[in-house]
Amino acid sequence: MTELPARQVRQQIQAERLQGAQILADNQNGYFLPNSQADVELFYRSMLHRAAEIARVANTVRLRGRLLD
């Protein structure tokens, strides 16, 4: 749509979100604006779950890396 590189679009969306814009996303619809508080809550829980999974993997890799020393 924007003809901008995908990375640049993601960076702009991140900047807007950090300034308070409620730009949500999911695997089915891509980016979208919420229609209800339920949309916001679902996105919130999804982001927390993703963050926990990323942290879990990062910690596991870090701990395994220590075994290599």
C-alpha atoms as a PDB file:
ATOM      1  CA  MET A   1       0.000   0.000   0.000  1.00  0.00           C
ATOM      2  CA  THR A   2       2.625   2.517   1.044  1.00  0.00           C
ATOM      3  CA  GLU A   3       5.299   1.337  -1.383  1.00  0.00           C
ATOM      4  CA  LEU A   4       7.760   1.641   1.512  1.00  0.00           C
ATOM      5  CA  PRO A   5       9.988  -1.227   2.587  1.00  0.00           C
ATOM      6  CA  ALA A   6       8.227  -3.492   5.117  1.00  0.00           C
ATOM      7  CA  ARG A   7      10.885  -2.792   7.740  1.00  0.00           C
ATOM      8  CA  GLN A   8      10.297   0.952   7.468  1.00  0.00           C
ATOM      9  CA  VAL A   9       6.541   0.463   7.838  1.00  0.00           C
ATOM     10  CA  ARG A  10       7.067  -1.662  10.973  1.00  0.00           C
ATOM     11  CA  GLN A  11       9.392   0.970  12.445  1.00  0.00           C
ATOM     12  CA  GLN A  12       6.847   3.719  11.792  1.00  0.00           C
ATOM     13  CA  ILE A  13       4.059   1.674  13.358  1.00  0.00           C
ATOM     14  CA  GLN A  14       6.255   1.021  16.398  1.00  0.00           C
ATOM     15  CA  ALA A  15       6.963   4.748  16.745  1.00  0.00           C
ATOM     16  CA  GLU A  16       3.237   5.542  16.519  1.00  0.00           C
ATOM     17  CA  ARG A  17       2.396   2.869  19.085  1.00  0.00           C
ATOM     18  CA  LEU A  18       4.964   4.262  21.505  1.00  0.00           C
ATOM     19  CA  GLN A  19       3.254   7.643  21.198  1.00  0.00           C
ATOM     20  CA  GLY A  20      -0.089   6.086  22.126  1.00  0.00           C
ATOM     21  CA  ALA A  21      -1.637   5.045  18.818  1.00  0.00           C
ATOM     22  CA  GLN A  22      -3.674   1.873  19.250  1.00  0.00           C
ATOM     23  CA  ILE A  23      -2.482   0.102  16.130  1.00  0.00           C
ATOM     24  CA  LEU A  24      -3.110  -3.576  16.694  1.00  0.00           C
ATOM     25  CA  ALA A  25      -2.068  -6.606  14.680  1.00  0.00           C
ATOM     26  CA  ASP A  26      -2.785 -10.299  14.388  1.00  0.00           C
ATOM     27  CA  ASN A  27      -1.861 -13.129  12.054  1.00  0.00           C
ATOM     28  CA  GLN A  28      -5.200 -13.095  10.225  1.00  0.00           C
ATOM     29  CA  ASN A  29      -5.759  -9.390   9.597  1.00  0.00           C
ATOM     30  CA  GLY A  30      -2.335  -7.781   9.770  1.00  0.00           C
ATOM     31  CA  TYR A  31      -2.462  -4.262  11.219  1.00  0.00           C
ATOM     32  CA  PHE A  32      -5.807  -2.794  12.223  1.00  0.00           C
ATOM     33  CA  LEU A  33      -7.460  -0.290  14.532  1.00  0.00           C
ATOM     34  CA  PRO A  34      -9.488  -1.731  17.403  1.00  0.00           C
ATOM     35  CA  ASN A  35     -13.269  -1.903  17.171  1.00  0.00           C
ATOM     36  CA  SER A  36     -13.706  -2.673  20.850  1.00  0.00           C
ATOM     37  CA  GLN A  37     -11.935  -2.955  24.172  1.00  0.00           C
ATOM     38  CA  ALA A  38     -11.999  -6.724  23.622  1.00  0.00           C
ATOM     39  CA  ASP A  39      -9.726  -6.227  20.577  1.00  0.00           C
ATOM     40  CA  VAL A  40      -7.294  -4.270  22.742  1.00  0.00           C
ATOM     41  CA  GLU A  41      -7.329  -6.892  25.509  1.00  0.00           C
ATOM     42  CA  LEU A  42      -6.751  -9.745  23.051  1.00  0.00           C
ATOM     43  CA  PHE A  43      -3.827  -7.893  21.482  1.00  0.00           C
ATOM     44  CA  TYR A  44      -2.412  -7.081  24.918  1.00  0.00           C
ATOM     45  CA  ARG A  45      -2.501 -10.725  26.028  1.00  0.00           C
ATOM     46  CA  SER A  46      -1.016 -11.834  22.711  1.00  0.00           C
ATOM     47  CA  MET A  47       1.894  -9.402  23.032  1.00  0.00           C
ATOM     48  CA  LEU A  48       2.601 -10.491  26.610  1.00  0.00           C
ATOM     49  CA  HIS A  49       2.611 -14.126  25.508  1.00  0.00           C
ATOM     50  CA  ARG A  50       4.999 -13.350  22.625  1.00  0.00           C
ATOM     51  CA  ALA A  51       7.303 -11.421  24.935  1.00  0.00           C
ATOM     52  CA  ALA A  52       7.388 -14.302  27.416  1.00  0.00           C
ATOM     53  CA  GLU A  53       8.170 -16.812  24.652  1.00  0.00           C
ATOM     54  CA  ILE A  54      10.958 -14.626  23.262  1.00  0.00           C
ATOM     55  CA  ALA A  55      12.455 -14.203  26.746  1.00  0.00           C
ATOM     56  CA  ARG A  56      12.228 -17.949  27.387  1.00  0.00           C
ATOM     57  CA  VAL A  57      14.093 -18.776  24.175  1.00  0.00           C
ATOM     58  CA  ALA A  58      16.691 -16.044  24.758  1.00  0.00           C
ATOM     59  CA  ASN A  59      17.354 -17.279  28.292  1.00  0.00           C
ATOM     60  CA  THR A  60      17.679 -20.874  27.131  1.00  0.00           C
ATOM     61  CA  VAL A  61      20.150 -19.920  24.406  1.00  0.00           C
ATOM     62  CA  ARG A  62      22.131 -17.821  26.866  1.00  0.00           C
ATOM     63  CA  LEU A  63      22.309 -20.627  29.408  1.00  0.00           C
ATOM     64  CA  ARG A  64      23.289 -23.175  26.762  1.00  0.00           C
ATOM     65  CA  GLY A  65      25.945 -20.784  25.506  1.00  0.00           C
ATOM     66  CA  ARG A  66      27.532 -20.728  28.948  1.00  0.00           C
ATOM     67  CA  LEU A  67      28.020 -24.486  28.730  1.00  0.00           C
ATOM     68  CA  LEU A  68      30.257 -23.933  25.699  1.00  0.00           C
ATOM     69  CA  ASP A  69      32.866 -21.975  27.672  1.00  0.00           C
END
